[in-house]
Amino acid sequence: MEHLREQLERFRESFLKAEELWNNYYTFVKTTVREWEAFRIDLLDRLSEVRVKLETDLRTTEELSLKLDLGLLSEEKVKKKLDELQEEIARLKEEYQTLWLAYEEITLMYITHCVKSGLPASLSAGDIEEKKEELKSAVNKKMVSEEVAQQLEKILSDEASMLLHLHEKG
């Protein structure tokens, strides 16, 4: 009988400890989710700014190259500007890819922990589809490399799967 009491007490303590750990986890996730939802607005603003600047620079490069090819501008006038634009495009492309990948990696973590904790996520399957379309556009415009595009496609697919789990739970 003593052995049974010891085992029962051990299980009672284990479940009490599990409850404490769960409450700590839930509180931590809830705080982190709230902070992420506030911070991601700033991150999305920066991503948008970089995307617009990158698109503008790519368009300007195409226009200058076309004017050069048509003989409307002299090479000496355009070469320096094209070199400057290419440097800026490389920098913007690197920032865009880095920020977008980081954003999606953290968004996947966000969704995962919303699923685990039962918290609502402020994303929908439609949001993921929009991101997939944005990715296709970015690839077509050569704003992201094929390698980064593949990584983003995988993460977006995982996000969609996790959102499905979230909606199945809810």
C-alpha atoms as a PDB file:
ATOM      1  CA  MET A   1       0.000   0.000   0.000  1.00  0.00           C
ATOM      2  CA  GLU A   2       2.851   2.376   0.846  1.00  0.00           C
ATOM      3  CA  HIS A   3       4.295   1.904  -2.652  1.00  0.00           C
ATOM      4  CA  LEU A   4       0.947   2.881  -4.194  1.00  0.00           C
ATOM      5  CA  ARG A   5       0.734   6.019  -2.069  1.00  0.00           C
ATOM      6  CA  GLU A   6       4.251   7.016  -3.105  1.00  0.00           C
ATOM      7  CA  GLN A   7       3.380   6.526  -6.756  1.00  0.00           C
ATOM      8  CA  LEU A   8       0.142   8.479  -6.396  1.00  0.00           C
ATOM      9  CA  GLU A   9       1.992  11.325  -4.698  1.00  0.00           C
ATOM     10  CA  ARG A  10       4.660  11.279  -7.424  1.00  0.00           C
ATOM     11  CA  PHE A  11       1.981  11.543 -10.127  1.00  0.00           C
ATOM     12  CA  ARG A  12       0.163  14.291  -8.220  1.00  0.00           C
ATOM     13  CA  GLU A  13       3.414  16.285  -7.991  1.00  0.00           C
ATOM     14  CA  SER A  14       4.208  15.640 -11.637  1.00  0.00           C
ATOM     15  CA  PHE A  15       0.820  16.888 -12.807  1.00  0.00           C
ATOM     16  CA  LEU A  16       1.007  19.918 -10.545  1.00  0.00           C
ATOM     17  CA  LYS A  17       4.430  20.675 -12.015  1.00  0.00           C
ATOM     18  CA  ALA A  18       3.026  20.172 -15.530  1.00  0.00           C
ATOM     19  CA  GLU A  19       0.220  22.611 -14.731  1.00  0.00           C
ATOM     20  CA  GLU A  20       2.722  25.180 -13.510  1.00  0.00           C
ATOM     21  CA  LEU A  21       4.894  24.716 -16.612  1.00  0.00           C
ATOM     22  CA  TRP A  22       1.835  24.961 -18.872  1.00  0.00           C
ATOM     23  CA  ASN A  23       0.700  28.192 -17.200  1.00  0.00           C
ATOM     24  CA  ASN A  24       4.193  29.660 -17.584  1.00  0.00           C
ATOM     25  CA  TYR A  25       4.331  28.569 -21.242  1.00  0.00           C
ATOM     26  CA  TYR A  26       0.852  29.928 -21.981  1.00  0.00           C
ATOM     27  CA  THR A  27       1.583  33.274 -20.336  1.00  0.00           C
ATOM     28  CA  PHE A  28       4.917  33.563 -22.133  1.00  0.00           C
ATOM     29  CA  VAL A  29       3.407  32.666 -25.519  1.00  0.00           C
ATOM     30  CA  LYS A  30       0.501  35.060 -25.008  1.00  0.00           C
ATOM     31  CA  THR A  31       2.921  37.918 -24.249  1.00  0.00           C
ATOM     32  CA  THR A  32       5.205  37.010 -27.164  1.00  0.00           C
ATOM     33  CA  VAL A  33       2.250  36.756 -29.571  1.00  0.00           C
ATOM     34  CA  ARG A  34       0.987  40.184 -28.528  1.00  0.00           C
ATOM     35  CA  GLU A  35       4.460  41.718 -28.915  1.00  0.00           C
ATOM     36  CA  TRP A  36       4.986  40.033 -32.307  1.00  0.00           C
ATOM     37  CA  GLU A  37       1.628  41.262 -33.603  1.00  0.00           C
ATOM     38  CA  ALA A  38       2.608  44.820 -32.661  1.00  0.00           C
ATOM     39  CA  PHE A  39       6.177  44.586 -33.999  1.00  0.00           C
ATOM     40  CA  ARG A  40       5.330  42.914 -37.294  1.00  0.00           C
ATOM     41  CA  ILE A  41       3.472  46.058 -38.405  1.00  0.00           C
ATOM     42  CA  ASP A  42       6.786  47.945 -38.386  1.00  0.00           C
ATOM     43  CA  LEU A  43       8.531  45.060 -40.129  1.00  0.00           C
ATOM     44  CA  LEU A  44       5.854  44.874 -42.826  1.00  0.00           C
ATOM     45  CA  ASP A  45       6.144  48.639 -43.332  1.00  0.00           C
ATOM     46  CA  ARG A  46       9.900  48.292 -43.873  1.00  0.00           C
ATOM     47  CA  LEU A  47       9.409  45.335 -46.220  1.00  0.00           C
ATOM     48  CA  SER A  48       6.925  47.377 -48.217  1.00  0.00           C
ATOM     49  CA  GLU A  49       9.300  50.367 -48.405  1.00  0.00           C
ATOM     50  CA  VAL A  50      12.166  48.165 -49.592  1.00  0.00           C
ATOM     51  CA  ARG A  51       9.948  46.405 -52.145  1.00  0.00           C
ATOM     52  CA  VAL A  52       8.706  49.691 -53.635  1.00  0.00           C
ATOM     53  CA  LYS A  53      12.247  51.119 -53.826  1.00  0.00           C
ATOM     54  CA  LEU A  54      13.545  47.891 -55.370  1.00  0.00           C
ATOM     55  CA  GLU A  55      10.753  47.822 -57.958  1.00  0.00           C
ATOM     56  CA  THR A  56      11.398  51.483 -58.783  1.00  0.00           C
ATOM     57  CA  ASP A  57      15.142  50.935 -59.186  1.00  0.00           C
ATOM     58  CA  LEU A  58      14.589  47.851 -61.366  1.00  0.00           C
ATOM     59  CA  ARG A  59      12.166  49.803 -63.583  1.00  0.00           C
ATOM     60  CA  THR A  60      14.573  52.738 -63.823  1.00  0.00           C
ATOM     61  CA  THR A  61      17.396  50.380 -64.792  1.00  0.00           C
ATOM     62  CA  GLU A  62      15.247  48.835 -67.529  1.00  0.00           C
ATOM     63  CA  GLU A  63      14.230  52.261 -68.831  1.00  0.00           C
ATOM     64  CA  LEU A  64      17.808  53.576 -68.881  1.00  0.00           C
ATOM     65  CA  SER A  65      19.053  50.414 -70.581  1.00  0.00           C
ATOM     66  CA  LEU A  66      16.331  50.676 -73.210  1.00  0.00           C
ATOM     67  CA  LYS A  67      17.079  54.352 -73.850  1.00  0.00           C
ATOM     68  CA  LEU A  68      20.768  53.495 -74.139  1.00  0.00           C
ATOM     69  CA  ASP A  69      19.998  50.661 -76.583  1.00  0.00           C
ATOM     70  CA  LEU A  70      17.834  53.000 -78.670  1.00  0.00           C
ATOM     71  CA  GLY A  71      20.567  55.617 -78.726  1.00  0.00           C
ATOM     72  CA  LEU A  72      18.470  58.172 -76.856  1.00  0.00           C
ATOM     73  CA  LEU A  73      21.145  58.586 -74.180  1.00  0.00           C
ATOM     74  CA  SER A  74      24.899  58.476 -74.363  1.00  0.00           C
ATOM     75  CA  GLU A  75      26.722  55.613 -72.673  1.00  0.00           C
ATOM     76  CA  GLU A  76      28.906  57.933 -70.620  1.00  0.00           C
ATOM     77  CA  LYS A  77      25.824  59.615 -69.092  1.00  0.00           C
ATOM     78  CA  VAL A  78      24.057  56.351 -68.306  1.00  0.00           C
ATOM     79  CA  LYS A  79      26.924  54.083 -67.215  1.00  0.00           C
ATOM     80  CA  LYS A  80      27.580  55.779 -63.880  1.00  0.00           C
ATOM     81  CA  LYS A  81      23.862  55.915 -63.038  1.00  0.00           C
ATOM     82  CA  LEU A  82      23.402  52.244 -64.007  1.00  0.00           C
ATOM     83  CA  ASP A  83      26.379  51.219 -61.841  1.00  0.00           C
ATOM     84  CA  GLU A  84      24.942  53.137 -58.883  1.00  0.00           C
ATOM     85  CA  LEU A  85      21.528  51.576 -59.444  1.00  0.00           C
ATOM     86  CA  GLN A  86      22.992  48.066 -59.664  1.00  0.00           C
ATOM     87  CA  GLU A  87      24.761  48.546 -56.324  1.00  0.00           C
ATOM     88  CA  GLU A  88      21.566  49.868 -54.754  1.00  0.00           C
ATOM     89  CA  ILE A  89      19.521  47.026 -56.263  1.00  0.00           C
ATOM     90  CA  ALA A  90      21.929  44.432 -54.855  1.00  0.00           C
ATOM     91  CA  ARG A  91      21.715  46.011 -51.396  1.00  0.00           C
ATOM     92  CA  LEU A  92      17.921  46.304 -51.504  1.00  0.00           C
ATOM     93  CA  LYS A  93      17.503  42.766 -52.835  1.00  0.00           C
ATOM     94  CA  GLU A  94      19.636  41.399 -49.994  1.00  0.00           C
ATOM     95  CA  GLU A  95      17.660  43.356 -47.395  1.00  0.00           C
ATOM     96  CA  TYR A  96      14.336  42.364 -48.947  1.00  0.00           C
ATOM     97  CA  GLN A  97      15.177  38.667 -49.043  1.00  0.00           C
ATOM     98  CA  THR A  98      16.661  38.659 -45.537  1.00  0.00           C
ATOM     99  CA  LEU A  99      13.722  40.496 -43.980  1.00  0.00           C
ATOM    100  CA  TRP A 100      11.112  38.469 -45.846  1.00  0.00           C
ATOM    101  CA  LEU A 101      12.676  35.144 -44.867  1.00  0.00           C
ATOM    102  CA  ALA A 102      13.015  36.202 -41.232  1.00  0.00           C
ATOM    103  CA  TYR A 103       9.434  37.482 -41.212  1.00  0.00           C
ATOM    104  CA  GLU A 104       8.036  34.221 -42.582  1.00  0.00           C
ATOM    105  CA  GLU A 105      10.190  32.055 -40.293  1.00  0.00           C
ATOM    106  CA  ILE A 106       8.913  33.941 -37.241  1.00  0.00           C
ATOM    107  CA  THR A 107       5.355  33.959 -38.592  1.00  0.00           C
ATOM    108  CA  LEU A 108       5.520  30.160 -38.821  1.00  0.00           C
ATOM    109  CA  MET A 109       6.680  30.033 -35.188  1.00  0.00           C
ATOM    110  CA  TYR A 110       3.879  32.427 -34.266  1.00  0.00           C
ATOM    111  CA  ILE A 111       1.252  30.226 -35.929  1.00  0.00           C
ATOM    112  CA  THR A 112       2.774  27.070 -34.421  1.00  0.00           C
ATOM    113  CA  HIS A 113       2.589  28.448 -30.906  1.00  0.00           C
ATOM    114  CA  CYS A 114      -0.915  29.792 -31.476  1.00  0.00           C
ATOM    115  CA  VAL A 115      -1.926  26.245 -32.433  1.00  0.00           C
ATOM    116  CA  LYS A 116      -0.163  24.695 -29.431  1.00  0.00           C
ATOM    117  CA  SER A 117      -1.555  27.204 -26.950  1.00  0.00           C
ATOM    118  CA  GLY A 118      -5.021  27.562 -28.444  1.00  0.00           C
ATOM    119  CA  LEU A 119      -4.572  31.289 -29.049  1.00  0.00           C
ATOM    120  CA  PRO A 120      -6.111  32.824 -32.185  1.00  0.00           C
ATOM    121  CA  ALA A 121      -3.787  33.816 -35.025  1.00  0.00           C
ATOM    122  CA  SER A 122      -4.457  36.992 -36.961  1.00  0.00           C
ATOM    123  CA  LEU A 123      -3.788  35.310 -40.325  1.00  0.00           C
ATOM    124  CA  SER A 124      -6.017  33.405 -42.704  1.00  0.00           C
ATOM    125  CA  ALA A 125      -5.534  30.969 -45.559  1.00  0.00           C
ATOM    126  CA  GLY A 126      -6.339  33.897 -47.857  1.00  0.00           C
ATOM    127  CA  ASP A 127      -3.392  35.825 -46.394  1.00  0.00           C
ATOM    128  CA  ILE A 128      -1.089  32.916 -47.234  1.00  0.00           C
ATOM    129  CA  GLU A 129      -2.437  32.764 -50.792  1.00  0.00           C
ATOM    130  CA  GLU A 130      -1.758  36.496 -51.184  1.00  0.00           C
ATOM    131  CA  LYS A 131       1.806  35.956 -49.984  1.00  0.00           C
ATOM    132  CA  LYS A 132       2.249  33.131 -52.502  1.00  0.00           C
ATOM    133  CA  GLU A 133       1.081  35.461 -55.295  1.00  0.00           C
ATOM    134  CA  GLU A 134       3.428  38.177 -54.047  1.00  0.00           C
ATOM    135  CA  LEU A 135       6.256  35.635 -54.133  1.00  0.00           C
ATOM    136  CA  LYS A 136       5.464  34.681 -57.737  1.00  0.00           C
ATOM    137  CA  SER A 137       5.516  38.354 -58.674  1.00  0.00           C
ATOM    138  CA  ALA A 138       8.819  38.910 -56.857  1.00  0.00           C
ATOM    139  CA  VAL A 139      10.387  35.935 -58.656  1.00  0.00           C
ATOM    140  CA  ASN A 140       9.154  37.193 -62.041  1.00  0.00           C
ATOM    141  CA  LYS A 141      10.641  40.618 -61.309  1.00  0.00           C
ATOM    142  CA  LYS A 142      13.918  39.015 -60.149  1.00  0.00           C
ATOM    143  CA  MET A 143      13.529  40.535 -56.690  1.00  0.00           C
ATOM    144  CA  VAL A 144      14.294  37.228 -54.970  1.00  0.00           C
ATOM    145  CA  SER A 145      16.628  34.427 -55.930  1.00  0.00           C
ATOM    146  CA  GLU A 146      15.361  30.948 -56.797  1.00  0.00           C
ATOM    147  CA  GLU A 147      16.937  29.614 -53.600  1.00  0.00           C
ATOM    148  CA  VAL A 148      15.135  32.158 -51.410  1.00  0.00           C
ATOM    149  CA  ALA A 149      11.917  31.599 -53.362  1.00  0.00           C
ATOM    150  CA  GLN A 150      12.096  27.863 -52.624  1.00  0.00           C
ATOM    151  CA  GLN A 151      12.683  28.534 -48.938  1.00  0.00           C
ATOM    152  CA  LEU A 152       9.751  30.954 -48.832  1.00  0.00           C
ATOM    153  CA  GLU A 153       7.484  28.508 -50.703  1.00  0.00           C
ATOM    154  CA  LYS A 154       8.260  25.816 -48.121  1.00  0.00           C
ATOM    155  CA  ILE A 155       7.613  28.142 -45.183  1.00  0.00           C
ATOM    156  CA  LEU A 156       4.362  29.431 -46.717  1.00  0.00           C
ATOM    157  CA  SER A 157       3.208  25.863 -47.270  1.00  0.00           C
ATOM    158  CA  ASP A 158       4.016  25.049 -43.636  1.00  0.00           C
ATOM    159  CA  GLU A 159       2.142  28.167 -42.511  1.00  0.00           C
ATOM    160  CA  ALA A 160      -0.922  27.085 -44.491  1.00  0.00           C
ATOM    161  CA  SER A 161      -0.772  23.616 -42.906  1.00  0.00           C
ATOM    162  CA  MET A 162      -0.461  25.056 -39.403  1.00  0.00           C
ATOM    163  CA  LEU A 163      -3.375  27.434 -40.024  1.00  0.00           C
ATOM    164  CA  LEU A 164      -5.442  24.459 -41.104  1.00  0.00           C
ATOM    165  CA  HIS A 165      -4.654  22.785 -37.758  1.00  0.00           C
ATOM    166  CA  LEU A 166      -5.563  25.981 -35.929  1.00  0.00           C
ATOM    167  CA  HIS A 167      -8.950  26.189 -37.654  1.00  0.00           C
ATOM    168  CA  GLU A 168      -9.582  22.470 -37.069  1.00  0.00           C
ATOM    169  CA  LYS A 169      -8.998  23.023 -33.338  1.00  0.00           C
ATOM    170  CA  GLY A 170     -11.181  26.121 -33.241  1.00  0.00           C
END
